[in-house]
Every structure is written in C-alpha cells, then in structure tokens.
Amino acid sequence: MCVGVPGKVVDIFEYSAVVDVMGSQTTVGIIFVPEVQLGDYVVVHAGQAMSIVDEEYARISVEEWRKLIDARNSETVE
C-alpha cells in the first residue's frame, strides 16, 4: 500500500516543484504531473507528485492526517 499526503504547489521549476505539506515546504519531482500549475494540490509520495487533486480532497485528507498525528501524539504523552 502506498501512502501519499496532499500538498499545495507554491513554486514550479522545470522538473520539480516546491509544495506546502501541512505547513512544511519540500521540493518534489513533477515528472508524473507535467501539467501541474502554481496553486494546484498534488498527492506526494516518495518525493514525487503522483497526481493532481482538487482543493476539497486535499482539505479532507489533511484533516484526516491531523487526526492520525494527534492520536499518535496523545498515545506518546500518556
């Protein structure tokens, strides 16, 4: 199973883009989504933008990731 996280494209270069993933910016490859544009949301896996998704999908996905992170953090505190 592959797990990807959504990120918003904030800068684009020839073969890479900078994406904001839950507040952290990282550079990813865009060879699988050459049509990506500034402001698009992409699913990032293993350092690559794998697909372009709409903003609503990205928002819901981030909410679910935050729930997982919060649950994990609460387990380590106890």
C-alpha atoms as a PDB file:
ATOM      1  CA  MET A   1       0.000   0.000   0.000  1.00  0.00           C
ATOM      2  CA  CYS A   2       1.260   3.468  -0.850  1.00  0.00           C
ATOM      3  CA  VAL A   3       0.525   6.421   1.366  1.00  0.00           C
ATOM      4  CA  GLY A   4       0.602   9.938  -0.019  1.00  0.00           C
ATOM      5  CA  VAL A   5      -0.045  13.312   1.520  1.00  0.00           C
ATOM      6  CA  PRO A   6      -1.565  16.344  -0.187  1.00  0.00           C
ATOM      7  CA  GLY A   7       0.423  19.499  -0.735  1.00  0.00           C
ATOM      8  CA  LYS A   8      -0.155  22.846  -2.416  1.00  0.00           C
ATOM      9  CA  VAL A   9       2.240  23.833  -5.197  1.00  0.00           C
ATOM     10  CA  VAL A  10       3.906  27.139  -4.262  1.00  0.00           C
ATOM     11  CA  ASP A  11       6.722  27.259  -6.834  1.00  0.00           C
ATOM     12  CA  ILE A  12       7.499  25.405 -10.050  1.00  0.00           C
ATOM     13  CA  PHE A  13      10.759  24.616 -11.822  1.00  0.00           C
ATOM     14  CA  GLU A  14      11.432  22.555 -14.924  1.00  0.00           C
ATOM     15  CA  TYR A  15      11.231  19.083 -13.348  1.00  0.00           C
ATOM     16  CA  SER A  16      10.370  19.880  -9.739  1.00  0.00           C
ATOM     17  CA  ALA A  17       8.084  21.965  -7.593  1.00  0.00           C
ATOM     18  CA  VAL A  18       8.011  23.285  -4.061  1.00  0.00           C
ATOM     19  CA  VAL A  19       4.906  22.131  -2.223  1.00  0.00           C
ATOM     20  CA  ASP A  20       3.494  23.100   1.146  1.00  0.00           C
ATOM     21  CA  VAL A  21       2.571  19.951   3.050  1.00  0.00           C
ATOM     22  CA  MET A  22       0.748  20.774   6.280  1.00  0.00           C
ATOM     23  CA  GLY A  23       2.889  23.874   6.841  1.00  0.00           C
ATOM     24  CA  SER A  24       6.251  22.436   5.779  1.00  0.00           C
ATOM     25  CA  GLN A  25       7.697  23.154   2.368  1.00  0.00           C
ATOM     26  CA  THR A  26       9.539  20.495   0.419  1.00  0.00           C
ATOM     27  CA  THR A  27      10.753  20.033  -3.142  1.00  0.00           C
ATOM     28  CA  VAL A  28       9.221  17.174  -5.119  1.00  0.00           C
ATOM     29  CA  GLY A  29       9.574  15.789  -8.619  1.00  0.00           C
ATOM     30  CA  ILE A  30       6.783  16.559 -11.091  1.00  0.00           C
ATOM     31  CA  ILE A  31       7.577  14.168 -13.933  1.00  0.00           C
ATOM     32  CA  PHE A  32       4.312  12.279 -13.318  1.00  0.00           C
ATOM     33  CA  VAL A  33       2.244  15.501 -13.450  1.00  0.00           C
ATOM     34  CA  PRO A  34       3.904  17.737 -16.062  1.00  0.00           C
ATOM     35  CA  GLU A  35       0.687  19.765 -16.419  1.00  0.00           C
ATOM     36  CA  VAL A  36       0.756  20.910 -12.763  1.00  0.00           C
ATOM     37  CA  GLN A  37       0.309  24.633 -12.184  1.00  0.00           C
ATOM     38  CA  LEU A  38       1.049  27.051  -9.364  1.00  0.00           C
ATOM     39  CA  GLY A  39      -1.671  26.738  -6.710  1.00  0.00           C
ATOM     40  CA  ASP A  40      -2.647  23.166  -7.647  1.00  0.00           C
ATOM     41  CA  TYR A  41      -2.869  20.477  -4.989  1.00  0.00           C
ATOM     42  CA  VAL A  42      -0.919  17.271  -5.525  1.00  0.00           C
ATOM     43  CA  VAL A  43      -0.576  13.966  -3.696  1.00  0.00           C
ATOM     44  CA  VAL A  44       3.068  13.472  -2.715  1.00  0.00           C
ATOM     45  CA  HIS A  45       4.637  10.044  -2.225  1.00  0.00           C
ATOM     46  CA  ALA A  46       8.339   9.162  -2.049  1.00  0.00           C
ATOM     47  CA  GLY A  47       9.418  12.640  -3.121  1.00  0.00           C
ATOM     48  CA  GLN A  48       7.210  12.709  -6.218  1.00  0.00           C
ATOM     49  CA  ALA A  49       3.933  14.464  -7.018  1.00  0.00           C
ATOM     50  CA  MET A  50       1.856  11.473  -8.092  1.00  0.00           C
ATOM     51  CA  SER A  51      -1.440  13.121  -9.055  1.00  0.00           C
ATOM     52  CA  ILE A  52      -3.288  16.416  -9.061  1.00  0.00           C
ATOM     53  CA  VAL A  53      -6.292  16.587  -6.719  1.00  0.00           C
ATOM     54  CA  ASP A  54      -8.928  19.217  -6.045  1.00  0.00           C
ATOM     55  CA  GLU A  55      -8.804  21.521  -3.044  1.00  0.00           C
ATOM     56  CA  GLU A  56     -11.701  19.792  -1.260  1.00  0.00           C
ATOM     57  CA  TYR A  57      -9.991  16.377  -1.441  1.00  0.00           C
ATOM     58  CA  ALA A  58      -6.754  17.944  -0.152  1.00  0.00           C
ATOM     59  CA  ARG A  59      -8.565  19.644   2.751  1.00  0.00           C
ATOM     60  CA  ILE A  60     -10.355  16.480   3.852  1.00  0.00           C
ATOM     61  CA  SER A  61      -7.176  14.440   3.536  1.00  0.00           C
ATOM     62  CA  VAL A  62      -5.185  16.908   5.657  1.00  0.00           C
ATOM     63  CA  GLU A  63      -7.910  16.802   8.327  1.00  0.00           C
ATOM     64  CA  GLU A  64      -7.604  13.005   8.462  1.00  0.00           C
ATOM     65  CA  TRP A  65      -3.792  13.164   8.623  1.00  0.00           C
ATOM     66  CA  ARG A  66      -4.048  15.650  11.505  1.00  0.00           C
ATOM     67  CA  LYS A  67      -6.376  13.255  13.378  1.00  0.00           C
ATOM     68  CA  LEU A  68      -3.810  10.462  12.982  1.00  0.00           C
ATOM     69  CA  ILE A  69      -0.979  12.707  14.151  1.00  0.00           C
ATOM     70  CA  ASP A  70      -2.992  13.945  17.143  1.00  0.00           C
ATOM     71  CA  ALA A  71      -3.949  10.374  18.108  1.00  0.00           C
ATOM     72  CA  ARG A  72      -0.336   9.243  17.888  1.00  0.00           C
ATOM     73  CA  ASN A  73       0.860  12.216  19.919  1.00  0.00           C
ATOM     74  CA  SER A  74      -1.720  11.571  22.644  1.00  0.00           C
ATOM     75  CA  GLU A  75      -0.516   7.945  22.920  1.00  0.00           C
ATOM     76  CA  THR A  76       3.091   9.006  23.478  1.00  0.00           C
ATOM     77  CA  VAL A  77       2.124  11.521  26.181  1.00  0.00           C
ATOM     78  CA  GLU A  78       0.296   9.019  28.386  1.00  0.00           C
END
